[in-house]
Amino acid sequence: MTARAERCADTQSEGQRERGDRGCACGCAERRLLGIAVRPLATYSGSFYAKTDSAGVPVTVSLVNDQTGVVAASSTVAGLTGDWKQYTFALKTADVPASANNHLILTIPRAGTVWFDLVSLFPPTYLGRPHGNRIDLMEKMAAMHPNFLRLPGGNYLEGDHIPERYQWKKTIGPWVDRPTHPSPWRYRSSDGWGCWSFWSGAKT
């Protein structure tokens, strides 16, 4: 994912490259099929890996409503260099209306190029665990007091082909070191929710 400021032109494909002149903010937008849910008075924890050819260029991260264009929360990350590095940020919403049709935007204010990878954003999680699980789902699961949980299941376990099967040893450790794998539904699974995520959730 690359954000490049050069000259005014139309945005190309989503999540790829946008261009602007020296007076235009430009960047990359992440648009989920169902949007990102935003709740009032909530803190969203995020991170991304990045490098730039314009040392010191700041990156502004924003949650923006798809329909109104209103920014629900934003944060600026400074100190980018020419080396790949992970940066963290927090987006804190005010008393905004709850909505489900939002997207994440990363922008730079001046001419330059920034490369992004492994962009992540988490809402408040169950028990406040980093990279944790959804509060509503975990509360419902805990209320059922299950004695048995299965991970994974069905064709996700098998994959369409043997090399594409779920391999739990490749779903542990830092996210950046996980190789990912093709899913049976024609998208690439990041394996962000891996074996240890399941285990820690089951222990809860």
N, C-alpha and C. Protein backbone atom coordinates (compact mmCIF):
# COMPACT_ATOMS: atom_id res chain seq x y z
N MET A 1 0.85 -1.17 0.00
CA MET A 1 0.00 0.00 0.00
C MET A 1 0.90 1.23 0.00
N THR A 2 0.71 2.12 -0.95
CA THR A 2 1.60 3.26 -1.10
C THR A 2 0.81 4.55 -1.16
N ALA A 3 1.22 5.55 -0.38
CA ALA A 3 0.65 6.89 -0.48
C ALA A 3 1.71 7.78 -1.11
N ARG A 4 1.35 8.44 -2.19
CA ARG A 4 2.35 9.23 -2.92
C ARG A 4 1.77 10.59 -3.27
N ALA A 5 2.46 11.64 -2.90
CA ALA A 5 2.03 13.00 -3.23
C ALA A 5 2.88 13.53 -4.37
N GLU A 6 2.27 13.76 -5.52
CA GLU A 6 3.02 14.29 -6.65
C GLU A 6 2.26 15.44 -7.30
N ARG A 7 1.14 15.11 -7.91
CA ARG A 7 0.37 16.10 -8.63
C ARG A 7 -1.09 15.70 -8.56
N CYS A 8 -1.98 16.63 -8.81
CA CYS A 8 -3.40 16.33 -8.71
C CYS A 8 -3.83 15.36 -9.80
N ALA A 9 -4.54 14.35 -9.42
CA ALA A 9 -5.07 13.36 -10.36
C ALA A 9 -6.13 12.57 -9.63
N ASP A 10 -6.87 11.77 -10.36
CA ASP A 10 -7.93 10.98 -9.75
C ASP A 10 -7.33 9.83 -8.97
N THR A 11 -8.06 9.42 -7.91
CA THR A 11 -7.65 8.26 -7.14
C THR A 11 -7.72 7.02 -8.01
N GLN A 12 -6.73 6.16 -7.88
CA GLN A 12 -6.76 4.89 -8.60
C GLN A 12 -7.56 3.90 -7.79
N SER A 13 -7.21 2.62 -7.83
CA SER A 13 -8.01 1.60 -7.13
C SER A 13 -7.87 1.77 -5.63
N GLU A 14 -8.92 1.34 -4.89
CA GLU A 14 -8.94 1.44 -3.45
C GLU A 14 -7.73 0.73 -2.84
N GLY A 15 -7.17 1.35 -1.81
CA GLY A 15 -6.07 0.72 -1.09
C GLY A 15 -4.76 0.73 -1.85
N GLN A 16 -4.70 1.43 -2.98
CA GLN A 16 -3.47 1.42 -3.75
C GLN A 16 -2.77 2.77 -3.63
N ARG A 17 -3.05 3.69 -4.53
CA ARG A 17 -2.28 4.94 -4.55
C ARG A 17 -3.21 6.10 -4.83
N GLU A 18 -3.01 7.20 -4.09
CA GLU A 18 -3.68 8.45 -4.38
C GLU A 18 -2.62 9.51 -4.57
N ARG A 19 -2.91 10.51 -5.41
CA ARG A 19 -1.94 11.55 -5.68
C ARG A 19 -2.55 12.91 -5.41
N GLY A 20 -1.68 13.83 -5.02
CA GLY A 20 -2.11 15.20 -4.84
C GLY A 20 -0.93 16.12 -5.07
N ASP A 21 -1.18 17.42 -5.22
CA ASP A 21 -0.06 18.33 -5.37
C ASP A 21 0.45 18.72 -3.99
N ARG A 22 1.37 19.67 -3.95
CA ARG A 22 2.00 20.01 -2.68
C ARG A 22 1.01 20.62 -1.69
N GLY A 23 -0.13 21.06 -2.15
CA GLY A 23 -1.12 21.63 -1.24
C GLY A 23 -2.24 20.68 -0.90
N CYS A 24 -2.18 19.45 -1.38
CA CYS A 24 -3.26 18.50 -1.18
C CYS A 24 -2.82 17.37 -0.26
N ALA A 25 -3.66 17.06 0.72
CA ALA A 25 -3.40 15.85 1.51
C ALA A 25 -3.77 14.66 0.64
N CYS A 26 -3.00 13.60 0.70
CA CYS A 26 -3.31 12.43 -0.09
C CYS A 26 -2.90 11.20 0.70
N GLY A 27 -3.42 10.04 0.31
CA GLY A 27 -3.08 8.85 1.06
C GLY A 27 -3.83 7.62 0.60
N CYS A 28 -4.11 6.73 1.54
CA CYS A 28 -4.73 5.45 1.25
C CYS A 28 -5.96 5.27 2.11
N ALA A 29 -6.97 4.63 1.56
CA ALA A 29 -8.21 4.36 2.28
C ALA A 29 -8.46 2.88 2.35
N GLU A 30 -8.82 2.39 3.52
CA GLU A 30 -9.20 0.99 3.72
C GLU A 30 -10.71 0.94 3.82
N ARG A 31 -11.34 0.25 2.89
CA ARG A 31 -12.80 0.17 2.88
C ARG A 31 -13.23 -1.28 3.03
N ARG A 32 -13.78 -1.60 4.17
CA ARG A 32 -14.31 -2.94 4.38
C ARG A 32 -15.66 -3.07 3.69
N LEU A 33 -16.01 -4.29 3.35
CA LEU A 33 -17.28 -4.54 2.68
C LEU A 33 -18.44 -4.05 3.54
N LEU A 34 -18.38 -4.29 4.84
CA LEU A 34 -19.47 -3.90 5.74
C LEU A 34 -19.13 -2.66 6.55
N GLY A 35 -18.00 -2.04 6.33
CA GLY A 35 -17.64 -0.85 7.06
C GLY A 35 -17.05 -1.15 8.44
N ILE A 36 -16.52 -0.10 9.07
CA ILE A 36 -15.96 -0.20 10.42
C ILE A 36 -16.94 0.42 11.40
N ALA A 37 -17.27 -0.31 12.45
CA ALA A 37 -18.21 0.20 13.45
C ALA A 37 -17.52 1.23 14.33
N VAL A 38 -18.20 2.33 14.58
CA VAL A 38 -17.70 3.38 15.47
C VAL A 38 -18.70 3.58 16.60
N ARG A 39 -18.19 3.65 17.82
CA ARG A 39 -19.02 3.87 19.00
C ARG A 39 -18.56 5.14 19.72
N PRO A 40 -19.45 5.83 20.41
CA PRO A 40 -19.05 7.04 21.12
C PRO A 40 -18.16 6.74 22.32
N LEU A 41 -17.28 7.68 22.64
CA LEU A 41 -16.43 7.62 23.82
C LEU A 41 -15.66 6.30 23.90
N ALA A 42 -15.08 5.90 22.78
CA ALA A 42 -14.33 4.64 22.70
C ALA A 42 -12.92 4.91 22.20
N THR A 43 -12.00 4.04 22.59
CA THR A 43 -10.61 4.15 22.13
C THR A 43 -10.26 2.97 21.24
N TYR A 44 -9.82 3.25 20.03
CA TYR A 44 -9.43 2.25 19.06
C TYR A 44 -7.91 2.22 18.98
N SER A 45 -7.34 1.03 19.11
CA SER A 45 -5.89 0.88 19.10
C SER A 45 -5.43 0.39 17.74
N GLY A 46 -4.43 1.06 17.18
CA GLY A 46 -3.99 0.69 15.85
C GLY A 46 -2.48 0.69 15.69
N SER A 47 -2.05 0.14 14.57
CA SER A 47 -0.63 0.13 14.25
C SER A 47 -0.46 -0.06 12.75
N PHE A 48 0.71 0.27 12.27
CA PHE A 48 1.07 -0.02 10.88
C PHE A 48 2.59 -0.06 10.77
N TYR A 49 3.06 -0.74 9.74
CA TYR A 49 4.47 -0.70 9.37
C TYR A 49 4.60 0.30 8.22
N ALA A 50 5.67 1.08 8.24
CA ALA A 50 5.83 2.08 7.19
C ALA A 50 7.29 2.45 7.01
N LYS A 51 7.58 2.97 5.82
CA LYS A 51 8.86 3.63 5.54
C LYS A 51 8.58 4.73 4.53
N THR A 52 9.49 5.68 4.40
CA THR A 52 9.25 6.82 3.53
C THR A 52 10.53 7.31 2.87
N ASP A 53 10.39 8.01 1.75
CA ASP A 53 11.53 8.65 1.12
C ASP A 53 11.64 10.10 1.54
N SER A 54 10.74 10.54 2.43
CA SER A 54 10.74 11.92 2.93
C SER A 54 10.76 11.87 4.45
N ALA A 55 11.94 11.73 5.02
CA ALA A 55 12.08 11.55 6.46
C ALA A 55 11.35 12.65 7.22
N GLY A 56 10.61 12.24 8.24
CA GLY A 56 9.90 13.18 9.09
C GLY A 56 8.50 13.50 8.63
N VAL A 57 8.08 13.02 7.46
CA VAL A 57 6.73 13.31 7.01
C VAL A 57 5.73 12.68 7.98
N PRO A 58 4.75 13.45 8.48
CA PRO A 58 3.78 12.89 9.42
C PRO A 58 2.66 12.17 8.68
N VAL A 59 2.09 11.17 9.34
CA VAL A 59 0.96 10.43 8.80
C VAL A 59 -0.24 10.66 9.71
N THR A 60 -1.33 11.10 9.15
CA THR A 60 -2.56 11.28 9.93
C THR A 60 -3.49 10.10 9.67
N VAL A 61 -3.93 9.47 10.73
CA VAL A 61 -4.83 8.32 10.65
C VAL A 61 -6.21 8.78 11.10
N SER A 62 -7.24 8.51 10.30
CA SER A 62 -8.58 9.00 10.60
C SER A 62 -9.63 7.93 10.37
N LEU A 63 -10.66 7.96 11.20
CA LEU A 63 -11.88 7.18 10.98
C LEU A 63 -12.92 8.13 10.41
N VAL A 64 -13.39 7.84 9.19
CA VAL A 64 -14.27 8.76 8.47
C VAL A 64 -15.57 8.06 8.10
N ASN A 65 -16.68 8.75 8.28
CA ASN A 65 -17.98 8.20 7.93
C ASN A 65 -18.15 8.16 6.42
N ASP A 66 -18.59 7.02 5.88
CA ASP A 66 -18.73 6.85 4.44
C ASP A 66 -19.75 7.80 3.83
N GLN A 67 -20.82 8.09 4.55
CA GLN A 67 -21.92 8.87 3.99
C GLN A 67 -21.75 10.37 4.20
N THR A 68 -21.31 10.77 5.40
CA THR A 68 -21.23 12.19 5.71
C THR A 68 -19.84 12.78 5.54
N GLY A 69 -18.81 11.93 5.55
CA GLY A 69 -17.45 12.44 5.48
C GLY A 69 -16.94 13.01 6.79
N VAL A 70 -17.74 12.90 7.85
CA VAL A 70 -17.35 13.42 9.16
C VAL A 70 -16.28 12.54 9.77
N VAL A 71 -15.24 13.16 10.31
CA VAL A 71 -14.16 12.43 10.97
C VAL A 71 -14.55 12.13 12.41
N ALA A 72 -14.64 10.86 12.75
CA ALA A 72 -15.02 10.46 14.10
C ALA A 72 -13.85 10.55 15.06
N ALA A 73 -12.64 10.31 14.57
CA ALA A 73 -11.44 10.38 15.40
C ALA A 73 -10.22 10.42 14.50
N SER A 74 -9.16 11.05 14.96
CA SER A 74 -7.92 11.08 14.18
C SER A 74 -6.72 11.19 15.10
N SER A 75 -5.57 10.81 14.57
CA SER A 75 -4.32 10.87 15.31
C SER A 75 -3.19 11.02 14.31
N THR A 76 -2.13 11.71 14.71
CA THR A 76 -1.00 11.93 13.82
C THR A 76 0.23 11.19 14.34
N VAL A 77 0.88 10.46 13.44
CA VAL A 77 2.09 9.70 13.76
C VAL A 77 3.26 10.38 13.08
N ALA A 78 4.29 10.72 13.86
CA ALA A 78 5.46 11.40 13.32
C ALA A 78 6.69 10.51 13.44
N GLY A 79 7.77 10.96 12.82
CA GLY A 79 9.05 10.27 12.98
C GLY A 79 9.33 9.17 12.00
N LEU A 80 8.62 9.12 10.86
CA LEU A 80 8.88 8.07 9.88
C LEU A 80 10.28 8.22 9.29
N THR A 81 10.89 7.10 8.97
CA THR A 81 12.23 7.09 8.39
C THR A 81 12.25 6.25 7.12
N GLY A 82 13.44 6.02 6.58
CA GLY A 82 13.58 5.22 5.38
C GLY A 82 13.63 3.73 5.65
N ASP A 83 13.53 3.34 6.91
CA ASP A 83 13.56 1.92 7.26
C ASP A 83 12.18 1.46 7.70
N TRP A 84 11.84 0.20 7.38
CA TRP A 84 10.58 -0.37 7.83
C TRP A 84 10.55 -0.40 9.36
N LYS A 85 9.45 0.09 9.92
CA LYS A 85 9.30 0.13 11.37
C LYS A 85 7.81 0.12 11.70
N GLN A 86 7.48 -0.44 12.86
CA GLN A 86 6.09 -0.43 13.30
C GLN A 86 5.80 0.84 14.10
N TYR A 87 4.64 1.43 13.81
CA TYR A 87 4.19 2.62 14.52
C TYR A 87 2.81 2.34 15.11
N THR A 88 2.57 2.85 16.29
CA THR A 88 1.28 2.64 16.95
C THR A 88 0.55 3.97 17.12
N PHE A 89 -0.76 3.88 17.27
CA PHE A 89 -1.57 5.08 17.46
C PHE A 89 -2.86 4.70 18.18
N ALA A 90 -3.55 5.70 18.69
CA ALA A 90 -4.84 5.49 19.34
C ALA A 90 -5.83 6.51 18.76
N LEU A 91 -7.02 6.05 18.44
CA LEU A 91 -8.10 6.91 17.95
C LEU A 91 -9.18 6.96 19.02
N LYS A 92 -9.44 8.14 19.56
CA LYS A 92 -10.43 8.29 20.63
C LYS A 92 -11.61 9.09 20.10
N THR A 93 -12.79 8.47 20.14
CA THR A 93 -13.99 9.14 19.64
C THR A 93 -14.60 10.00 20.74
N ALA A 94 -15.23 11.07 20.33
CA ALA A 94 -15.98 11.90 21.26
C ALA A 94 -17.39 11.32 21.39
N ASP A 95 -18.34 12.12 21.79
CA ASP A 95 -19.72 11.63 21.94
C ASP A 95 -20.41 11.66 20.57
N VAL A 96 -19.88 10.83 19.66
CA VAL A 96 -20.39 10.78 18.29
C VAL A 96 -21.52 9.76 18.19
N PRO A 97 -22.38 9.87 17.18
CA PRO A 97 -23.43 8.86 16.99
C PRO A 97 -22.80 7.51 16.63
N ALA A 98 -23.36 6.44 17.14
CA ALA A 98 -22.90 5.10 16.76
C ALA A 98 -23.22 4.86 15.30
N SER A 99 -22.28 4.26 14.57
CA SER A 99 -22.48 3.98 13.16
C SER A 99 -21.62 2.80 12.75
N ALA A 100 -21.97 2.20 11.62
CA ALA A 100 -21.24 1.02 11.15
C ALA A 100 -20.62 1.23 9.78
N ASN A 101 -20.80 2.41 9.21
CA ASN A 101 -20.35 2.66 7.83
C ASN A 101 -19.20 3.67 7.82
N ASN A 102 -18.06 3.23 8.35
CA ASN A 102 -16.88 4.09 8.40
C ASN A 102 -15.69 3.39 7.75
N HIS A 103 -14.69 4.17 7.39
CA HIS A 103 -13.47 3.58 6.84
C HIS A 103 -12.25 4.28 7.41
N LEU A 104 -11.11 3.65 7.28
CA LEU A 104 -9.85 4.15 7.81
C LEU A 104 -9.05 4.80 6.69
N ILE A 105 -8.53 6.00 6.97
CA ILE A 105 -7.74 6.73 5.98
C ILE A 105 -6.39 7.09 6.60
N LEU A 106 -5.32 6.90 5.81
CA LEU A 106 -3.98 7.33 6.20
C LEU A 106 -3.52 8.37 5.19
N THR A 107 -3.19 9.57 5.64
CA THR A 107 -2.83 10.64 4.73
C THR A 107 -1.51 11.29 5.11
N ILE A 108 -0.85 11.88 4.11
CA ILE A 108 0.35 12.68 4.31
C ILE A 108 0.08 14.08 3.76
N PRO A 109 0.67 15.13 4.35
CA PRO A 109 0.29 16.49 3.99
C PRO A 109 1.12 17.14 2.90
N ARG A 110 2.20 16.50 2.48
CA ARG A 110 3.08 17.15 1.52
C ARG A 110 3.69 16.12 0.57
N ALA A 111 4.42 16.63 -0.41
CA ALA A 111 5.00 15.77 -1.43
C ALA A 111 5.92 14.73 -0.80
N GLY A 112 5.82 13.51 -1.27
CA GLY A 112 6.64 12.42 -0.76
C GLY A 112 5.95 11.10 -0.99
N THR A 113 6.63 10.03 -0.63
CA THR A 113 6.08 8.68 -0.79
C THR A 113 6.22 7.94 0.53
N VAL A 114 5.15 7.28 0.93
CA VAL A 114 5.17 6.45 2.13
C VAL A 114 4.63 5.08 1.75
N TRP A 115 5.35 4.04 2.13
CA TRP A 115 4.90 2.67 1.91
C TRP A 115 4.32 2.14 3.22
N PHE A 116 3.15 1.53 3.15
CA PHE A 116 2.49 0.98 4.32
C PHE A 116 2.35 -0.54 4.19
N ASP A 117 2.35 -1.21 5.33
CA ASP A 117 2.08 -2.64 5.35
C ASP A 117 1.49 -2.99 6.71
N LEU A 118 0.69 -4.05 6.74
CA LEU A 118 0.11 -4.60 7.96
C LEU A 118 -0.56 -3.51 8.80
N VAL A 119 -1.52 -2.82 8.20
CA VAL A 119 -2.28 -1.80 8.91
C VAL A 119 -3.35 -2.49 9.75
N SER A 120 -3.43 -2.14 11.03
CA SER A 120 -4.33 -2.82 11.96
C SER A 120 -5.09 -1.81 12.81
N LEU A 121 -6.35 -2.10 13.09
CA LEU A 121 -7.15 -1.26 13.97
C LEU A 121 -8.08 -2.14 14.79
N PHE A 122 -8.04 -1.99 16.12
CA PHE A 122 -8.87 -2.77 17.02
C PHE A 122 -9.77 -1.87 17.85
N PRO A 123 -11.04 -2.24 18.00
CA PRO A 123 -11.91 -1.53 18.95
C PRO A 123 -11.57 -1.99 20.36
N PRO A 124 -12.24 -1.46 21.38
CA PRO A 124 -12.04 -2.00 22.73
C PRO A 124 -12.28 -3.51 22.72
N THR A 125 -11.42 -4.27 23.41
CA THR A 125 -11.50 -5.72 23.38
C THR A 125 -11.88 -6.30 24.73
N TYR A 126 -12.26 -7.56 24.71
CA TYR A 126 -12.66 -8.27 25.93
C TYR A 126 -11.51 -8.30 26.93
N LEU A 127 -11.77 -7.81 28.11
CA LEU A 127 -10.78 -7.72 29.19
C LEU A 127 -9.59 -6.83 28.83
N GLY A 128 -9.76 -6.03 27.79
CA GLY A 128 -8.71 -5.08 27.41
C GLY A 128 -7.45 -5.71 26.86
N ARG A 129 -7.55 -6.92 26.36
CA ARG A 129 -6.34 -7.60 25.88
C ARG A 129 -5.89 -7.05 24.52
N PRO A 130 -4.58 -6.81 24.36
CA PRO A 130 -4.08 -6.37 23.05
C PRO A 130 -4.41 -7.40 21.97
N HIS A 131 -4.89 -6.93 20.83
CA HIS A 131 -5.26 -7.81 19.71
C HIS A 131 -6.29 -8.84 20.17
N GLY A 132 -7.15 -8.45 21.09
CA GLY A 132 -8.09 -9.39 21.69
C GLY A 132 -9.36 -9.58 20.89
N ASN A 133 -10.37 -10.13 21.56
CA ASN A 133 -11.62 -10.52 20.91
C ASN A 133 -12.73 -9.49 21.16
N ARG A 134 -13.75 -9.58 20.35
CA ARG A 134 -14.89 -8.68 20.49
C ARG A 134 -15.59 -8.88 21.82
N ILE A 135 -15.92 -7.78 22.47
CA ILE A 135 -16.54 -7.85 23.79
C ILE A 135 -17.89 -8.55 23.74
N ASP A 136 -18.74 -8.18 22.78
CA ASP A 136 -20.10 -8.73 22.75
C ASP A 136 -20.09 -10.24 22.52
N LEU A 137 -19.22 -10.71 21.61
CA LEU A 137 -19.18 -12.14 21.32
C LEU A 137 -18.63 -12.93 22.51
N MET A 138 -17.58 -12.41 23.13
CA MET A 138 -16.98 -13.13 24.26
C MET A 138 -17.92 -13.16 25.46
N GLU A 139 -18.67 -12.11 25.69
CA GLU A 139 -19.63 -12.11 26.80
C GLU A 139 -20.72 -13.14 26.58
N LYS A 140 -21.19 -13.26 25.34
CA LYS A 140 -22.21 -14.26 25.04
C LYS A 140 -21.64 -15.68 25.17
N MET A 141 -20.42 -15.87 24.70
CA MET A 141 -19.81 -17.19 24.80
C MET A 141 -19.57 -17.57 26.27
N ALA A 142 -19.10 -16.63 27.05
CA ALA A 142 -18.84 -16.91 28.46
C ALA A 142 -20.13 -17.25 29.19
N ALA A 143 -21.22 -16.61 28.79
CA ALA A 143 -22.50 -16.88 29.45
C ALA A 143 -23.00 -18.28 29.17
N MET A 144 -22.55 -18.90 28.08
CA MET A 144 -22.98 -20.26 27.74
C MET A 144 -22.20 -21.33 28.50
N HIS A 145 -21.06 -20.95 29.09
CA HIS A 145 -20.21 -21.90 29.82
C HIS A 145 -19.92 -23.16 28.98
N PRO A 146 -19.36 -22.98 27.79
CA PRO A 146 -19.12 -24.15 26.93
C PRO A 146 -18.02 -25.05 27.49
N ASN A 147 -18.16 -26.34 27.28
CA ASN A 147 -17.14 -27.31 27.71
C ASN A 147 -16.22 -27.72 26.57
N PHE A 148 -16.59 -27.32 25.34
CA PHE A 148 -15.81 -27.75 24.18
C PHE A 148 -15.84 -26.64 23.13
N LEU A 149 -14.69 -26.31 22.59
CA LEU A 149 -14.58 -25.34 21.50
C LEU A 149 -13.71 -25.94 20.41
N ARG A 150 -14.05 -25.66 19.17
CA ARG A 150 -13.31 -26.23 18.04
C ARG A 150 -12.67 -25.12 17.21
N LEU A 151 -11.41 -25.30 16.90
CA LEU A 151 -10.70 -24.37 16.03
C LEU A 151 -9.68 -25.13 15.20
N PRO A 152 -9.63 -24.84 13.90
CA PRO A 152 -10.73 -24.26 13.14
C PRO A 152 -11.67 -25.38 12.73
N GLY A 153 -12.55 -25.11 11.80
CA GLY A 153 -13.48 -26.17 11.41
C GLY A 153 -13.73 -26.19 9.91
N GLY A 154 -14.31 -27.28 9.46
CA GLY A 154 -14.77 -27.39 8.08
C GLY A 154 -13.69 -27.20 7.04
N ASN A 155 -14.11 -26.58 5.92
CA ASN A 155 -13.19 -26.46 4.79
C ASN A 155 -12.08 -25.44 5.05
N TYR A 156 -12.22 -24.59 6.06
CA TYR A 156 -11.12 -23.69 6.40
C TYR A 156 -9.92 -24.48 6.91
N LEU A 157 -10.21 -25.57 7.62
CA LEU A 157 -9.14 -26.45 8.11
C LEU A 157 -8.47 -27.19 6.96
N GLU A 158 -9.28 -27.69 6.05
CA GLU A 158 -8.76 -28.52 4.96
C GLU A 158 -8.11 -27.69 3.86
N GLY A 159 -8.69 -26.53 3.55
CA GLY A 159 -8.23 -25.75 2.41
C GLY A 159 -8.66 -26.39 1.10
N ASP A 160 -8.55 -25.66 0.02
CA ASP A 160 -8.88 -26.23 -1.29
C ASP A 160 -7.83 -27.23 -1.75
N HIS A 161 -6.59 -27.04 -1.29
CA HIS A 161 -5.49 -27.93 -1.63
C HIS A 161 -4.64 -28.14 -0.38
N ILE A 162 -3.93 -29.23 -0.33
CA ILE A 162 -3.14 -29.55 0.87
C ILE A 162 -2.19 -28.42 1.26
N PRO A 163 -1.46 -27.80 0.34
CA PRO A 163 -0.55 -26.71 0.75
C PRO A 163 -1.30 -25.50 1.33
N GLU A 164 -2.60 -25.41 1.09
CA GLU A 164 -3.38 -24.26 1.55
C GLU A 164 -4.15 -24.56 2.84
N ARG A 165 -3.89 -25.71 3.44
CA ARG A 165 -4.61 -26.08 4.65
C ARG A 165 -4.20 -25.18 5.82
N TYR A 166 -4.99 -25.20 6.86
CA TYR A 166 -4.67 -24.45 8.08
C TYR A 166 -3.53 -25.15 8.81
N GLN A 167 -2.46 -24.43 9.08
CA GLN A 167 -1.31 -24.98 9.79
C GLN A 167 -1.08 -24.12 11.04
N TRP A 168 -1.45 -24.65 12.18
CA TRP A 168 -1.49 -23.85 13.40
C TRP A 168 -0.12 -23.29 13.77
N LYS A 169 0.97 -23.99 13.46
CA LYS A 169 2.30 -23.51 13.84
C LYS A 169 2.67 -22.21 13.11
N LYS A 170 1.99 -21.96 11.99
CA LYS A 170 2.26 -20.74 11.24
C LYS A 170 1.36 -19.58 11.66
N THR A 171 0.52 -19.81 12.69
CA THR A 171 -0.39 -18.76 13.14
C THR A 171 0.01 -18.22 14.51
N ILE A 172 1.21 -18.53 14.96
CA ILE A 172 1.68 -18.04 16.25
C ILE A 172 2.88 -17.12 16.03
N GLY A 173 3.23 -16.37 17.06
CA GLY A 173 4.34 -15.43 16.93
C GLY A 173 3.86 -14.08 16.41
N PRO A 174 4.79 -13.14 16.23
CA PRO A 174 4.43 -11.80 15.75
C PRO A 174 3.68 -11.85 14.43
N TRP A 175 2.70 -10.99 14.29
CA TRP A 175 1.92 -10.96 13.04
C TRP A 175 2.80 -10.82 11.82
N VAL A 176 3.80 -9.96 11.92
CA VAL A 176 4.60 -9.65 10.75
C VAL A 176 5.36 -10.88 10.25
N ASP A 177 5.53 -11.89 11.10
CA ASP A 177 6.25 -13.10 10.70
C ASP A 177 5.33 -14.22 10.22
N ARG A 178 4.03 -14.01 10.26
CA ARG A 178 3.10 -15.06 9.81
C ARG A 178 2.96 -14.99 8.29
N PRO A 179 3.11 -16.12 7.60
CA PRO A 179 3.14 -16.09 6.14
C PRO A 179 1.79 -15.88 5.48
N THR A 180 0.69 -16.02 6.24
CA THR A 180 -0.69 -15.97 5.71
C THR A 180 -0.95 -17.20 4.83
N HIS A 181 -2.19 -17.40 4.42
CA HIS A 181 -2.48 -18.51 3.50
C HIS A 181 -3.79 -18.26 2.77
N PRO A 182 -3.98 -18.85 1.59
CA PRO A 182 -5.23 -18.66 0.85
C PRO A 182 -6.37 -19.36 1.58
N SER A 183 -7.52 -18.69 1.64
CA SER A 183 -8.70 -19.31 2.25
C SER A 183 -9.57 -19.95 1.17
N PRO A 184 -10.51 -20.81 1.56
CA PRO A 184 -11.40 -21.43 0.57
C PRO A 184 -12.37 -20.43 -0.07
N TRP A 185 -12.45 -19.21 0.48
CA TRP A 185 -13.41 -18.23 -0.01
C TRP A 185 -12.77 -17.16 -0.87
N ARG A 186 -11.59 -17.49 -1.42
CA ARG A 186 -10.92 -16.67 -2.42
C ARG A 186 -10.36 -15.36 -1.87
N TYR A 187 -10.11 -15.28 -0.59
CA TYR A 187 -9.34 -14.16 -0.07
C TYR A 187 -8.18 -14.74 0.74
N ARG A 188 -7.19 -13.93 1.00
CA ARG A 188 -6.02 -14.41 1.72
C ARG A 188 -6.20 -14.15 3.21
N SER A 189 -6.12 -15.21 4.00
CA SER A 189 -6.27 -15.08 5.45
C SER A 189 -4.96 -14.56 6.05
N SER A 190 -5.07 -13.53 6.86
CA SER A 190 -3.87 -12.97 7.50
C SER A 190 -3.39 -13.82 8.66
N ASP A 191 -4.24 -14.74 9.14
CA ASP A 191 -3.94 -15.54 10.32
C ASP A 191 -3.67 -14.66 11.54
N GLY A 192 -4.28 -13.46 11.52
CA GLY A 192 -4.15 -12.56 12.65
C GLY A 192 -4.78 -13.14 13.91
N TRP A 193 -5.87 -13.88 13.72
CA TRP A 193 -6.50 -14.57 14.84
C TRP A 193 -6.02 -16.02 14.76
N GLY A 194 -4.91 -16.27 15.43
CA GLY A 194 -4.27 -17.58 15.31
C GLY A 194 -4.52 -18.49 16.48
N CYS A 195 -3.69 -19.51 16.57
CA CYS A 195 -3.86 -20.54 17.59
C CYS A 195 -3.79 -19.96 19.00
N TRP A 196 -2.85 -19.07 19.26
CA TRP A 196 -2.72 -18.50 20.61
C TRP A 196 -3.91 -17.62 20.95
N SER A 197 -4.46 -16.90 19.96
CA SER A 197 -5.66 -16.08 20.19
C SER A 197 -6.81 -16.98 20.64
N PHE A 198 -6.97 -18.12 19.96
CA PHE A 198 -8.03 -19.05 20.34
C PHE A 198 -7.78 -19.59 21.74
N TRP A 199 -6.54 -19.95 22.03
CA TRP A 199 -6.22 -20.55 23.32
C TRP A 199 -6.47 -19.57 24.46
N SER A 200 -6.04 -18.32 24.29
CA SER A 200 -6.24 -17.34 25.35
C SER A 200 -7.71 -17.02 25.54
N GLY A 201 -8.47 -17.01 24.44
CA GLY A 201 -9.91 -16.80 24.55
C GLY A 201 -10.60 -17.95 25.25
N ALA A 202 -10.16 -19.18 24.94
CA ALA A 202 -10.77 -20.36 25.58
C ALA A 202 -10.46 -20.39 27.07
N LYS A 203 -9.27 -19.96 27.46
CA LYS A 203 -8.92 -19.94 28.88
C LYS A 203 -9.82 -18.99 29.65
N THR A 204 -10.23 -17.90 28.99
CA THR A 204 -11.10 -16.94 29.64
C THR A 204 -12.44 -17.58 30.00
